[in-house]
Amino acid sequence: MIDRPDAAQLLEAMAETLTGNVMPSLDGGAKHSARVVANLCMILAREWDQREGVATDELRALLDSPDAEYVDLIADLDRRFADNDVSSELAAALYPIMMADAERRLAIAKPEYLEP
């Protein structure tokens, strides 16, 4: 069963209410605070929409860890990079995954940076 509205839709509605209904009646610091909260709502909505965007299966295969959680895979990669234990082959395979993840994170935090 799919519950509607989902979290992203609720957060977007909150942001729209703040910007369309609340902010016009505010001044100064209160208006700025409402704008900040509206922006945070939109960041959370984008994060919710892209929560499945991480290439966990690809990382599991590359690191030979079929049952590992994403956070454990990243910890393993952090350790390998810190210990300079990353072959050029692994680095080459990781590059497109890391770039895609960086783009995913930008799409959440600062989507305008991805616009041409």
PDB file of N, CA and C in Angstrom:
ATOM      1  N   MET A   1       0.839  -1.171   0.000  1.00  0.00           N
ATOM      2  CA  MET A   1       0.000   0.000   0.000  1.00  0.00           C
ATOM      3  C   MET A   1       0.891   1.244   0.000  1.00  0.00           C
ATOM      4  N   ILE A   2       0.539   2.214  -0.814  1.00  0.00           N
ATOM      5  CA  ILE A   2       1.280   3.463  -0.885  1.00  0.00           C
ATOM      6  C   ILE A   2       0.478   4.539  -0.182  1.00  0.00           C
ATOM      7  N   ASP A   3       1.075   5.110   0.847  1.00  0.00           N
ATOM      8  CA  ASP A   3       0.409   6.186   1.577  1.00  0.00           C
ATOM      9  C   ASP A   3       0.629   7.504   0.854  1.00  0.00           C
ATOM     10  N   ARG A   4      -0.433   8.226   0.649  1.00  0.00           N
ATOM     11  CA  ARG A   4      -0.367   9.555   0.035  1.00  0.00           C
ATOM     12  C   ARG A   4      -1.038  10.540   0.948  1.00  0.00           C
ATOM     13  N   PRO A   5      -0.544  11.686   1.145  1.00  0.00           N
ATOM     14  CA  PRO A   5       0.728  12.164   0.619  1.00  0.00           C
ATOM     15  C   PRO A   5       1.910  11.553   1.366  1.00  0.00           C
ATOM     16  N   ASP A   6       3.021  11.408   0.637  1.00  0.00           N
ATOM     17  CA  ASP A   6       4.219  10.878   1.291  1.00  0.00           C
ATOM     18  C   ASP A   6       4.983  12.019   1.971  1.00  0.00           C
ATOM     19  N   ALA A   7       6.090  11.682   2.592  1.00  0.00           N
ATOM     20  CA  ALA A   7       6.847  12.678   3.355  1.00  0.00           C
ATOM     21  C   ALA A   7       7.303  13.843   2.478  1.00  0.00           C
ATOM     22  N   ALA A   8       7.759  13.546   1.270  1.00  0.00           N
ATOM     23  CA  ALA A   8       8.224  14.613   0.380  1.00  0.00           C
ATOM     24  C   ALA A   8       7.090  15.566   0.033  1.00  0.00           C
ATOM     25  N   GLN A   9       5.927  15.022  -0.246  1.00  0.00           N
ATOM     26  CA  GLN A   9       4.784  15.872  -0.587  1.00  0.00           C
ATOM     27  C   GLN A   9       4.371  16.741   0.599  1.00  0.00           C
ATOM     28  N   LEU A  10       4.418  16.197   1.788  1.00  0.00           N
ATOM     29  CA  LEU A  10       4.089  16.981   2.978  1.00  0.00           C
ATOM     30  C   LEU A  10       5.104  18.101   3.203  1.00  0.00           C
ATOM     31  N   LEU A  11       6.376  17.786   3.032  1.00  0.00           N
ATOM     32  CA  LEU A  11       7.416  18.804   3.195  1.00  0.00           C
ATOM     33  C   LEU A  11       7.288  19.906   2.149  1.00  0.00           C
ATOM     34  N   GLU A  12       6.974  19.518   0.913  1.00  0.00           N
ATOM     35  CA  GLU A  12       6.773  20.520  -0.140  1.00  0.00           C
ATOM     36  C   GLU A  12       5.578  21.409   0.182  1.00  0.00           C
ATOM     37  N   ALA A  13       4.508  20.818   0.698  1.00  0.00           N
ATOM     38  CA  ALA A  13       3.327  21.609   1.073  1.00  0.00           C
ATOM     39  C   ALA A  13       3.664  22.584   2.199  1.00  0.00           C
ATOM     40  N   MET A  14       4.482  22.135   3.148  1.00  0.00           N
ATOM     41  CA  MET A  14       4.905  23.027   4.229  1.00  0.00           C
ATOM     42  C   MET A  14       5.698  24.209   3.672  1.00  0.00           C
ATOM     43  N   ALA A  15       6.630  23.915   2.759  1.00  0.00           N
ATOM     44  CA  ALA A  15       7.443  24.979   2.169  1.00  0.00           C
ATOM     45  C   ALA A  15       6.578  25.960   1.387  1.00  0.00           C
ATOM     46  N   GLU A  16       5.631  25.436   0.618  1.00  0.00           N
ATOM     47  CA  GLU A  16       4.741  26.303  -0.162  1.00  0.00           C
ATOM     48  C   GLU A  16       3.869  27.163   0.748  1.00  0.00           C
ATOM     49  N   THR A  17       3.397  26.600   1.848  1.00  0.00           N
ATOM     50  CA  THR A  17       2.588  27.371   2.795  1.00  0.00           C
ATOM     51  C   THR A  17       3.414  28.494   3.414  1.00  0.00           C
ATOM     52  N   LEU A  18       4.639  28.160   3.803  1.00  0.00           N
ATOM     53  CA  LEU A  18       5.506  29.188   4.388  1.00  0.00           C
ATOM     54  C   LEU A  18       5.793  30.312   3.394  1.00  0.00           C
ATOM     55  N   THR A  19       6.167  29.943   2.165  1.00  0.00           N
ATOM     56  CA  THR A  19       6.544  30.977   1.196  1.00  0.00           C
ATOM     57  C   THR A  19       5.337  31.718   0.639  1.00  0.00           C
ATOM     58  N   GLY A  20       4.234  31.027   0.443  1.00  0.00           N
ATOM     59  CA  GLY A  20       3.069  31.658  -0.173  1.00  0.00           C
ATOM     60  C   GLY A  20       2.130  32.352   0.786  1.00  0.00           C
ATOM     61  N   ASN A  21       1.989  31.825   1.999  1.00  0.00           N
ATOM     62  CA  ASN A  21       0.997  32.359   2.935  1.00  0.00           C
ATOM     63  C   ASN A  21       1.594  33.058   4.155  1.00  0.00           C
ATOM     64  N   VAL A  22       2.669  32.521   4.682  1.00  0.00           N
ATOM     65  CA  VAL A  22       3.217  33.043   5.933  1.00  0.00           C
ATOM     66  C   VAL A  22       4.218  34.173   5.687  1.00  0.00           C
ATOM     67  N   MET A  23       5.182  33.950   4.804  1.00  0.00           N
ATOM     68  CA  MET A  23       6.246  34.936   4.603  1.00  0.00           C
ATOM     69  C   MET A  23       5.752  36.317   4.167  1.00  0.00           C
ATOM     70  N   PRO A  24       4.729  36.411   3.314  1.00  0.00           N
ATOM     71  CA  PRO A  24       4.286  37.747   2.910  1.00  0.00           C
ATOM     72  C   PRO A  24       3.828  38.626   4.076  1.00  0.00           C
ATOM     73  N   SER A  25       3.414  38.007   5.169  1.00  0.00           N
ATOM     74  CA  SER A  25       2.940  38.802   6.311  1.00  0.00           C
ATOM     75  C   SER A  25       4.025  39.045   7.360  1.00  0.00           C
ATOM     76  N   LEU A  26       5.235  38.597   7.088  1.00  0.00           N
ATOM     77  CA  LEU A  26       6.335  38.749   8.051  1.00  0.00           C
ATOM     78  C   LEU A  26       7.329  39.809   7.596  1.00  0.00           C
ATOM     79  N   ASP A  27       8.132  40.279   8.544  1.00  0.00           N
ATOM     80  CA  ASP A  27       9.190  41.247   8.257  1.00  0.00           C
ATOM     81  C   ASP A  27      10.508  40.745   8.842  1.00  0.00           C
ATOM     82  N   GLY A  28      11.592  41.307   8.343  1.00  0.00           N
ATOM     83  CA  GLY A  28      12.914  41.154   8.932  1.00  0.00           C
ATOM     84  C   GLY A  28      13.327  39.745   9.283  1.00  0.00           C
ATOM     85  N   GLY A  29      13.729  39.584  10.552  1.00  0.00           N
ATOM     86  CA  GLY A  29      14.252  38.309  11.024  1.00  0.00           C
ATOM     87  C   GLY A  29      13.261  37.174  10.947  1.00  0.00           C
ATOM     88  N   ALA A  30      12.005  37.458  11.235  1.00  0.00           N
ATOM     89  CA  ALA A  30      10.984  36.406  11.174  1.00  0.00           C
ATOM     90  C   ALA A  30      10.804  35.922   9.739  1.00  0.00           C
ATOM     91  N   LYS A  31      10.837  36.847   8.787  1.00  0.00           N
ATOM     92  CA  LYS A  31      10.703  36.473   7.375  1.00  0.00           C
ATOM     93  C   LYS A  31      11.899  35.630   6.941  1.00  0.00           C
ATOM     94  N   HIS A  32      13.089  36.031   7.373  1.00  0.00           N
ATOM     95  CA  HIS A  32      14.295  35.269   7.049  1.00  0.00           C
ATOM     96  C   HIS A  32      14.213  33.860   7.645  1.00  0.00           C
ATOM     97  N   SER A  33      13.782  33.762   8.888  1.00  0.00           N
ATOM     98  CA  SER A  33      13.657  32.448   9.539  1.00  0.00           C
ATOM     99  C   SER A  33      12.668  31.561   8.799  1.00  0.00           C
ATOM    100  N   ALA A  34      11.552  32.127   8.378  1.00  0.00           N
ATOM    101  CA  ALA A  34      10.558  31.348   7.630  1.00  0.00           C
ATOM    102  C   ALA A  34      11.139  30.876   6.298  1.00  0.00           C
ATOM    103  N   ARG A  35      11.929  31.728   5.637  1.00  0.00           N
ATOM    104  CA  ARG A  35      12.563  31.345   4.370  1.00  0.00           C
ATOM    105  C   ARG A  35      13.548  30.201   4.595  1.00  0.00           C
ATOM    106  N   VAL A  36      14.321  30.282   5.672  1.00  0.00           N
ATOM    107  CA  VAL A  36      15.278  29.213   5.991  1.00  0.00           C
ATOM    108  C   VAL A  36      14.540  27.900   6.218  1.00  0.00           C
ATOM    109  N   VAL A  37      13.462  27.930   6.984  1.00  0.00           N
ATOM    110  CA  VAL A  37      12.690  26.712   7.253  1.00  0.00           C
ATOM    111  C   VAL A  37      12.089  26.167   5.960  1.00  0.00           C
ATOM    112  N   ALA A  38      11.582  27.034   5.100  1.00  0.00           N
ATOM    113  CA  ALA A  38      11.032  26.587   3.815  1.00  0.00           C
ATOM    114  C   ALA A  38      12.115  25.918   2.973  1.00  0.00           C
ATOM    115  N   ASN A  39      13.318  26.503   2.947  1.00  0.00           N
ATOM    116  CA  ASN A  39      14.420  25.895   2.200  1.00  0.00           C
ATOM    117  C   ASN A  39      14.808  24.544   2.785  1.00  0.00           C
ATOM    118  N   LEU A  40      14.823  24.440   4.102  1.00  0.00           N
ATOM    119  CA  LEU A  40      15.130  23.155   4.740  1.00  0.00           C
ATOM    120  C   LEU A  40      14.076  22.106   4.396  1.00  0.00           C
ATOM    121  N   CYS A  41      12.827  22.506   4.356  1.00  0.00           N
ATOM    122  CA  CYS A  41      11.755  21.580   3.965  1.00  0.00           C
ATOM    123  C   CYS A  41      11.992  21.054   2.551  1.00  0.00           C
ATOM    124  N   MET A  42      12.396  21.931   1.637  1.00  0.00           N
ATOM    125  CA  MET A  42      12.632  21.507   0.256  1.00  0.00           C
ATOM    126  C   MET A  42      13.851  20.593   0.156  1.00  0.00           C
ATOM    127  N   ILE A  43      14.894  20.869   0.944  1.00  0.00           N
ATOM    128  CA  ILE A  43      16.061  19.982   0.962  1.00  0.00           C
ATOM    129  C   ILE A  43      15.651  18.601   1.453  1.00  0.00           C
ATOM    130  N   LEU A  44      14.892  18.542   2.522  1.00  0.00           N
ATOM    131  CA  LEU A  44      14.436  17.250   3.051  1.00  0.00           C
ATOM    132  C   LEU A  44      13.531  16.528   2.062  1.00  0.00           C
ATOM    133  N   ALA A  45      12.688  17.258   1.356  1.00  0.00           N
ATOM    134  CA  ALA A  45      11.811  16.640   0.352  1.00  0.00           C
ATOM    135  C   ALA A  45      12.644  16.018  -0.762  1.00  0.00           C
ATOM    136  N   ARG A  46      13.660  16.737  -1.243  1.00  0.00           N
ATOM    137  CA  ARG A  46      14.511  16.179  -2.301  1.00  0.00           C
ATOM    138  C   ARG A  46      15.286  14.972  -1.783  1.00  0.00           C
ATOM    139  N   GLU A  47      15.753  15.052  -0.542  1.00  0.00           N
ATOM    140  CA  GLU A  47      16.476  13.921   0.040  1.00  0.00           C
ATOM    141  C   GLU A  47      15.566  12.696   0.137  1.00  0.00           C
ATOM    142  N   TRP A  48      14.337  12.900   0.538  1.00  0.00           N
ATOM    143  CA  TRP A  48      13.379  11.801   0.628  1.00  0.00           C
ATOM    144  C   TRP A  48      13.167  11.166  -0.743  1.00  0.00           C
ATOM    145  N   ASP A  49      12.989  12.013  -1.761  1.00  0.00           N
ATOM    146  CA  ASP A  49      12.752  11.504  -3.113  1.00  0.00           C
ATOM    147  C   ASP A  49      13.933  10.706  -3.638  1.00  0.00           C
ATOM    148  N   GLN A  50      15.138  11.018  -3.182  1.00  0.00           N
ATOM    149  CA  GLN A  50      16.330  10.374  -3.720  1.00  0.00           C
ATOM    150  C   GLN A  50      16.973   9.405  -2.740  1.00  0.00           C
ATOM    151  N   ARG A  51      16.234   8.966  -1.751  1.00  0.00           N
ATOM    152  CA  ARG A  51      16.817   8.117  -0.716  1.00  0.00           C
ATOM    153  C   ARG A  51      17.317   6.777  -1.245  1.00  0.00           C
ATOM    154  N   GLU A  52      16.804   6.327  -2.379  1.00  0.00           N
ATOM    155  CA  GLU A  52      17.244   5.055  -2.953  1.00  0.00           C
ATOM    156  C   GLU A  52      18.323   5.256  -4.013  1.00  0.00           C
ATOM    157  N   GLY A  53      18.875   6.449  -4.121  1.00  0.00           N
ATOM    158  CA  GLY A  53      19.798   6.765  -5.202  1.00  0.00           C
ATOM    159  C   GLY A  53      21.198   6.218  -5.043  1.00  0.00           C
ATOM    160  N   VAL A  54      21.538   5.695  -3.921  1.00  0.00           N
ATOM    161  CA  VAL A  54      22.899   5.242  -3.668  1.00  0.00           C
ATOM    162  C   VAL A  54      23.128   3.878  -4.316  1.00  0.00           C
ATOM    163  N   ALA A  55      24.284   3.707  -4.914  1.00  0.00           N
ATOM    164  CA  ALA A  55      24.613   2.480  -5.645  1.00  0.00           C
ATOM    165  C   ALA A  55      25.114   1.395  -4.697  1.00  0.00           C
ATOM    166  N   THR A  56      24.288   1.024  -3.747  1.00  0.00           N
ATOM    167  CA  THR A  56      24.698   0.055  -2.728  1.00  0.00           C
ATOM    168  C   THR A  56      25.067  -1.290  -3.344  1.00  0.00           C
ATOM    169  N   ASP A  57      24.276  -1.773  -4.290  1.00  0.00           N
ATOM    170  CA  ASP A  57      24.564  -3.079  -4.901  1.00  0.00           C
ATOM    171  C   ASP A  57      25.895  -3.070  -5.647  1.00  0.00           C
ATOM    172  N   GLU A  58      26.184  -1.973  -6.345  1.00  0.00           N
ATOM    173  CA  GLU A  58      27.462  -1.874  -7.052  1.00  0.00           C
ATOM    174  C   GLU A  58      28.630  -1.887  -6.069  1.00  0.00           C
ATOM    175  N   LEU A  59      28.495  -1.161  -4.970  1.00  0.00           N
ATOM    176  CA  LEU A  59      29.558  -1.145  -3.964  1.00  0.00           C
ATOM    177  C   LEU A  59      29.722  -2.513  -3.318  1.00  0.00           C
ATOM    178  N   ARG A  60      28.624  -3.193  -3.058  1.00  0.00           N
ATOM    179  CA  ARG A  60      28.711  -4.540  -2.478  1.00  0.00           C
ATOM    180  C   ARG A  60      29.516  -5.456  -3.385  1.00  0.00           C
ATOM    181  N   ALA A  61      29.250  -5.386  -4.693  1.00  0.00           N
ATOM    182  CA  ALA A  61      29.962  -6.241  -5.643  1.00  0.00           C
ATOM    183  C   ALA A  61      31.444  -5.868  -5.714  1.00  0.00           C
ATOM    184  N   LEU A  62      31.737  -4.585  -5.802  1.00  0.00           N
ATOM    185  CA  LEU A  62      33.133  -4.145  -5.902  1.00  0.00           C
ATOM    186  C   LEU A  62      33.945  -4.489  -4.663  1.00  0.00           C
ATOM    187  N   LEU A  63      33.309  -4.420  -3.496  1.00  0.00           N
ATOM    188  CA  LEU A  63      34.021  -4.663  -2.240  1.00  0.00           C
ATOM    189  C   LEU A  63      33.856  -6.092  -1.739  1.00  0.00           C
ATOM    190  N   ASP A  64      33.192  -6.918  -2.547  1.00  0.00           N
ATOM    191  CA  ASP A  64      32.966  -8.323  -2.200  1.00  0.00           C
ATOM    192  C   ASP A  64      32.326  -8.458  -0.820  1.00  0.00           C
ATOM    193  N   SER A  65      31.280  -7.680  -0.609  1.00  0.00           N
ATOM    194  CA  SER A  65      30.541  -7.673   0.658  1.00  0.00           C
ATOM    195  C   SER A  65      29.046  -7.718   0.355  1.00  0.00           C
ATOM    196  N   PRO A  66      28.535  -8.890  -0.045  1.00  0.00           N
ATOM    197  CA  PRO A  66      27.161  -8.972  -0.555  1.00  0.00           C
ATOM    198  C   PRO A  66      26.060  -8.593   0.427  1.00  0.00           C
ATOM    199  N   ASP A  67      26.323  -8.663   1.721  1.00  0.00           N
ATOM    200  CA  ASP A  67      25.269  -8.379   2.702  1.00  0.00           C
ATOM    201  C   ASP A  67      25.494  -7.085   3.481  1.00  0.00           C
ATOM    202  N   ALA A  68      26.527  -6.341   3.132  1.00  0.00           N
ATOM    203  CA  ALA A  68      26.877  -5.146   3.908  1.00  0.00           C
ATOM    204  C   ALA A  68      25.867  -4.021   3.696  1.00  0.00           C
ATOM    205  N   GLU A  69      25.662  -3.258   4.749  1.00  0.00           N
ATOM    206  CA  GLU A  69      24.832  -2.055   4.670  1.00  0.00           C
ATOM    207  C   GLU A  69      25.672  -0.930   4.069  1.00  0.00           C
ATOM    208  N   TYR A  70      24.990   0.067   3.522  1.00  0.00           N
ATOM    209  CA  TYR A  70      25.686   1.181   2.864  1.00  0.00           C
ATOM    210  C   TYR A  70      26.698   1.842   3.800  1.00  0.00           C
ATOM    211  N   VAL A  71      26.304   2.106   5.029  1.00  0.00           N
ATOM    212  CA  VAL A  71      27.199   2.792   5.970  1.00  0.00           C
ATOM    213  C   VAL A  71      28.461   1.971   6.220  1.00  0.00           C
ATOM    214  N   ASP A  72      28.342   0.647   6.243  1.00  0.00           N
ATOM    215  CA  ASP A  72      29.505  -0.214   6.444  1.00  0.00           C
ATOM    216  C   ASP A  72      30.403  -0.231   5.208  1.00  0.00           C
ATOM    217  N   LEU A  73      29.795  -0.176   4.034  1.00  0.00           N
ATOM    218  CA  LEU A  73      30.576  -0.116   2.798  1.00  0.00           C
ATOM    219  C   LEU A  73      31.398   1.171   2.744  1.00  0.00           C
ATOM    220  N   ILE A  74      30.779   2.271   3.125  1.00  0.00           N
ATOM    221  CA  ILE A  74      31.484   3.554   3.123  1.00  0.00           C
ATOM    222  C   ILE A  74      32.609   3.544   4.157  1.00  0.00           C
ATOM    223  N   ALA A  75      32.359   2.955   5.325  1.00  0.00           N
ATOM    224  CA  ALA A  75      33.409   2.853   6.348  1.00  0.00           C
ATOM    225  C   ALA A  75      34.582   2.021   5.828  1.00  0.00           C
ATOM    226  N   ASP A  76      34.282   0.943   5.101  1.00  0.00           N
ATOM    227  CA  ASP A  76      35.330   0.111   4.515  1.00  0.00           C
ATOM    228  C   ASP A  76      36.134   0.909   3.489  1.00  0.00           C
ATOM    229  N   LEU A  77      35.433   1.656   2.646  1.00  0.00           N
ATOM    230  CA  LEU A  77      36.129   2.494   1.668  1.00  0.00           C
ATOM    231  C   LEU A  77      36.980   3.556   2.348  1.00  0.00           C
ATOM    232  N   ASP A  78      36.451   4.190   3.378  1.00  0.00           N
ATOM    233  CA  ASP A  78      37.215   5.193   4.122  1.00  0.00           C
ATOM    234  C   ASP A  78      38.507   4.589   4.665  1.00  0.00           C
ATOM    235  N   ARG A  79      38.388   3.404   5.240  1.00  0.00           N
ATOM    236  CA  ARG A  79      39.572   2.739   5.794  1.00  0.00           C
ATOM    237  C   ARG A  79      40.575   2.431   4.689  1.00  0.00           C
ATOM    238  N   ARG A  80      40.078   1.901   3.563  1.00  0.00           N
ATOM    239  CA  ARG A  80      40.977   1.553   2.459  1.00  0.00           C
ATOM    240  C   ARG A  80      41.709   2.784   1.922  1.00  0.00           C
ATOM    241  N   PHE A  81      40.968   3.881   1.757  1.00  0.00           N
ATOM    242  CA  PHE A  81      41.614   5.103   1.271  1.00  0.00           C
ATOM    243  C   PHE A  81      42.619   5.629   2.293  1.00  0.00           C
ATOM    244  N   ALA A  82      42.272   5.603   3.567  1.00  0.00           N
ATOM    245  CA  ALA A  82      43.182   6.083   4.616  1.00  0.00           C
ATOM    246  C   ALA A  82      44.456   5.244   4.668  1.00  0.00           C
ATOM    247  N   ASP A  83      44.317   3.935   4.428  1.00  0.00           N
ATOM    248  CA  ASP A  83      45.463   3.025   4.459  1.00  0.00           C
ATOM    249  C   ASP A  83      46.168   2.925   3.109  1.00  0.00           C
ATOM    250  N   ASN A  84      45.725   3.726   2.138  1.00  0.00           N
ATOM    251  CA  ASN A  84      46.267   3.673   0.776  1.00  0.00           C
ATOM    252  C   ASN A  84      46.189   2.254   0.216  1.00  0.00           C
ATOM    253  N   ASP A  85      45.056   1.619   0.455  1.00  0.00           N
ATOM    254  CA  ASP A  85      44.831   0.230   0.068  1.00  0.00           C
ATOM    255  C   ASP A  85      43.754   0.151  -1.018  1.00  0.00           C
ATOM    256  N   VAL A  86      43.897   0.993  -2.044  1.00  0.00           N
ATOM    257  CA  VAL A  86      42.932   1.009  -3.142  1.00  0.00           C
ATOM    258  C   VAL A  86      43.709   0.845  -4.438  1.00  0.00           C
ATOM    259  N   SER A  87      43.436  -0.247  -5.135  1.00  0.00           N
ATOM    260  CA  SER A  87      44.118  -0.478  -6.407  1.00  0.00           C
ATOM    261  C   SER A  87      43.616   0.515  -7.452  1.00  0.00           C
ATOM    262  N   SER A  88      44.389   0.681  -8.505  1.00  0.00           N
ATOM    263  CA  SER A  88      43.958   1.586  -9.575  1.00  0.00           C
ATOM    264  C   SER A  88      42.696   1.053 -10.247  1.00  0.00           C
ATOM    265  N   GLU A  89      42.547  -0.268 -10.292  1.00  0.00           N
ATOM    266  CA  GLU A  89      41.342  -0.858 -10.880  1.00  0.00           C
ATOM    267  C   GLU A  89      40.109  -0.534 -10.033  1.00  0.00           C
ATOM    268  N   LEU A  90      40.250  -0.673  -8.711  1.00  0.00           N
ATOM    269  CA  LEU A  90      39.129  -0.356  -7.827  1.00  0.00           C
ATOM    270  C   LEU A  90      38.812   1.134  -7.895  1.00  0.00           C
ATOM    271  N   ALA A  91      39.838   1.971  -7.897  1.00  0.00           N
ATOM    272  CA  ALA A  91      39.612   3.417  -7.986  1.00  0.00           C
ATOM    273  C   ALA A  91      38.877   3.771  -9.275  1.00  0.00           C
ATOM    274  N   ALA A  92      39.267   3.151 -10.380  1.00  0.00           N
ATOM    275  CA  ALA A  92      38.603   3.423 -11.664  1.00  0.00           C
ATOM    276  C   ALA A  92      37.150   2.969 -11.638  1.00  0.00           C
ATOM    277  N   ALA A  93      36.881   1.844 -10.991  1.00  0.00           N
ATOM    278  CA  ALA A  93      35.502   1.351 -10.894  1.00  0.00           C
ATOM    279  C   ALA A  93      34.673   2.211  -9.949  1.00  0.00           C
ATOM    280  N   LEU A  94      35.309   2.755  -8.916  1.00  0.00           N
ATOM    281  CA  LEU A  94      34.598   3.586  -7.944  1.00  0.00           C
ATOM    282  C   LEU A  94      34.285   4.984  -8.471  1.00  0.00           C
ATOM    283  N   TYR A  95      35.113   5.477  -9.374  1.00  0.00           N
ATOM    284  CA  TYR A  95      34.971   6.861  -9.827  1.00  0.00           C
ATOM    285  C   TYR A  95      33.561   7.197 -10.322  1.00  0.00           C
ATOM    286  N   PRO A  96      32.975   6.435 -11.249  1.00  0.00           N
ATOM    287  CA  PRO A  96      31.622   6.806 -11.706  1.00  0.00           C
ATOM    288  C   PRO A  96      30.570   6.696 -10.602  1.00  0.00           C
ATOM    289  N   ILE A  97      30.760   5.767  -9.683  1.00  0.00           N
ATOM    290  CA  ILE A  97      29.818   5.620  -8.570  1.00  0.00           C
ATOM    291  C   ILE A  97      29.908   6.840  -7.659  1.00  0.00           C
ATOM    292  N   MET A  98      31.131   7.253  -7.359  1.00  0.00           N
ATOM    293  CA  MET A  98      31.324   8.406  -6.481  1.00  0.00           C
ATOM    294  C   MET A  98      30.838   9.697  -7.140  1.00  0.00           C
ATOM    295  N   MET A  99      31.055   9.826  -8.443  1.00  0.00           N
ATOM    296  CA  MET A  99      30.564  11.014  -9.151  1.00  0.00           C
ATOM    297  C   MET A  99      29.037  11.049  -9.150  1.00  0.00           C
ATOM    298  N   ALA A 100      28.411   9.898  -9.383  1.00  0.00           N
ATOM    299  CA  ALA A 100      26.945   9.839  -9.364  1.00  0.00           C
ATOM    300  C   ALA A 100      26.410  10.176  -7.976  1.00  0.00           C
ATOM    301  N   ASP A 101      27.104   9.712  -6.942  1.00  0.00           N
ATOM    302  CA  ASP A 101      26.663  10.024  -5.583  1.00  0.00           C
ATOM    303  C   ASP A 101      26.848  11.507  -5.279  1.00  0.00           C
ATOM    304  N   ALA A 102      27.939  12.089  -5.761  1.00  0.00           N
ATOM    305  CA  ALA A 102      28.144  13.534  -5.570  1.00  0.00           C
ATOM    306  C   ALA A 102      27.041  14.327  -6.271  1.00  0.00           C
ATOM    307  N   GLU A 103      26.669  13.910  -7.480  1.00  0.00           N
ATOM    308  CA  GLU A 103      25.577  14.577  -8.196  1.00  0.00           C
ATOM    309  C   GLU A 103      24.257  14.404  -7.458  1.00  0.00           C
ATOM    310  N   ARG A 104      24.042  13.223  -6.900  1.00  0.00           N
ATOM    311  CA  ARG A 104      22.815  12.978  -6.136  1.00  0.00           C
ATOM    312  C   ARG A 104      22.756  13.915  -4.932  1.00  0.00           C
ATOM    313  N   ARG A 105      23.877  14.054  -4.250  1.00  0.00           N
ATOM    314  CA  ARG A 105      23.915  14.931  -3.074  1.00  0.00           C
ATOM    315  C   ARG A 105      23.718  16.397  -3.463  1.00  0.00           C
ATOM    316  N   LEU A 106      24.313  16.803  -4.582  1.00  0.00           N
ATOM    317  CA  LEU A 106      24.106  18.167  -5.060  1.00  0.00           C
ATOM    318  C   LEU A 106      22.652  18.403  -5.437  1.00  0.00           C
ATOM    319  N   ALA A 107      22.033  17.405  -6.060  1.00  0.00           N
ATOM    320  CA  ALA A 107      20.622  17.540  -6.442  1.00  0.00           C
ATOM    321  C   ALA A 107      19.743  17.741  -5.219  1.00  0.00           C
ATOM    322  N   ILE A 108      20.181  17.239  -4.089  1.00  0.00           N
ATOM    323  CA  ILE A 108      19.436  17.409  -2.842  1.00  0.00           C
ATOM    324  C   ILE A 108      19.724  18.778  -2.232  1.00  0.00           C
ATOM    325  N   ALA A 109      20.998  19.086  -2.046  1.00  0.00           N
ATOM    326  CA  ALA A 109      21.374  20.285  -1.299  1.00  0.00           C
ATOM    327  C   ALA A 109      21.355  21.567  -2.131  1.00  0.00           C
ATOM    328  N   LYS A 110      21.839  21.506  -3.350  1.00  0.00           N
ATOM    329  CA  LYS A 110      21.958  22.699  -4.201  1.00  0.00           C
ATOM    330  C   LYS A 110      21.661  22.334  -5.653  1.00  0.00           C
ATOM    331  N   PRO A 111      20.416  22.012  -5.989  1.00  0.00           N
ATOM    332  CA  PRO A 111      20.104  21.560  -7.351  1.00  0.00           C
ATOM    333  C   PRO A 111      20.466  22.579  -8.427  1.00  0.00           C
ATOM    334  N   GLU A 112      20.486  23.850  -8.081  1.00  0.00           N
ATOM    335  CA  GLU A 112      20.820  24.868  -9.074  1.00  0.00           C
ATOM    336  C   GLU A 112      22.268  24.742  -9.551  1.00  0.00           C
ATOM    337  N   TYR A 113      23.144  24.103  -8.783  1.00  0.00           N
ATOM    338  CA  TYR A 113      24.530  23.915  -9.202  1.00  0.00           C
ATOM    339  C   TYR A 113      24.640  22.935 -10.367  1.00  0.00           C
ATOM    340  N   LEU A 114      23.633  22.107 -10.573  1.00  0.00           N
ATOM    341  CA  LEU A 114      23.656  21.125 -11.650  1.00  0.00           C
ATOM    342  C   LEU A 114      23.068  21.665 -12.945  1.00  0.00           C
ATOM    343  N   GLU A 115      22.505  22.862 -12.890  1.00  0.00           N
ATOM    344  CA  GLU A 115      21.909  23.451 -14.087  1.00  0.00           C
ATOM    345  C   GLU A 115      23.009  23.998 -14.983  1.00  0.00           C
ATOM    346  N   PRO A 116      22.850  23.829 -16.321  1.00  0.00           N
ATOM    347  CA  PRO A 116      23.888  24.338 -17.243  1.00  0.00           C
ATOM    348  C   PRO A 116      23.930  25.852 -17.291  1.00  0.00           C
TER     349      PRO A 116
END
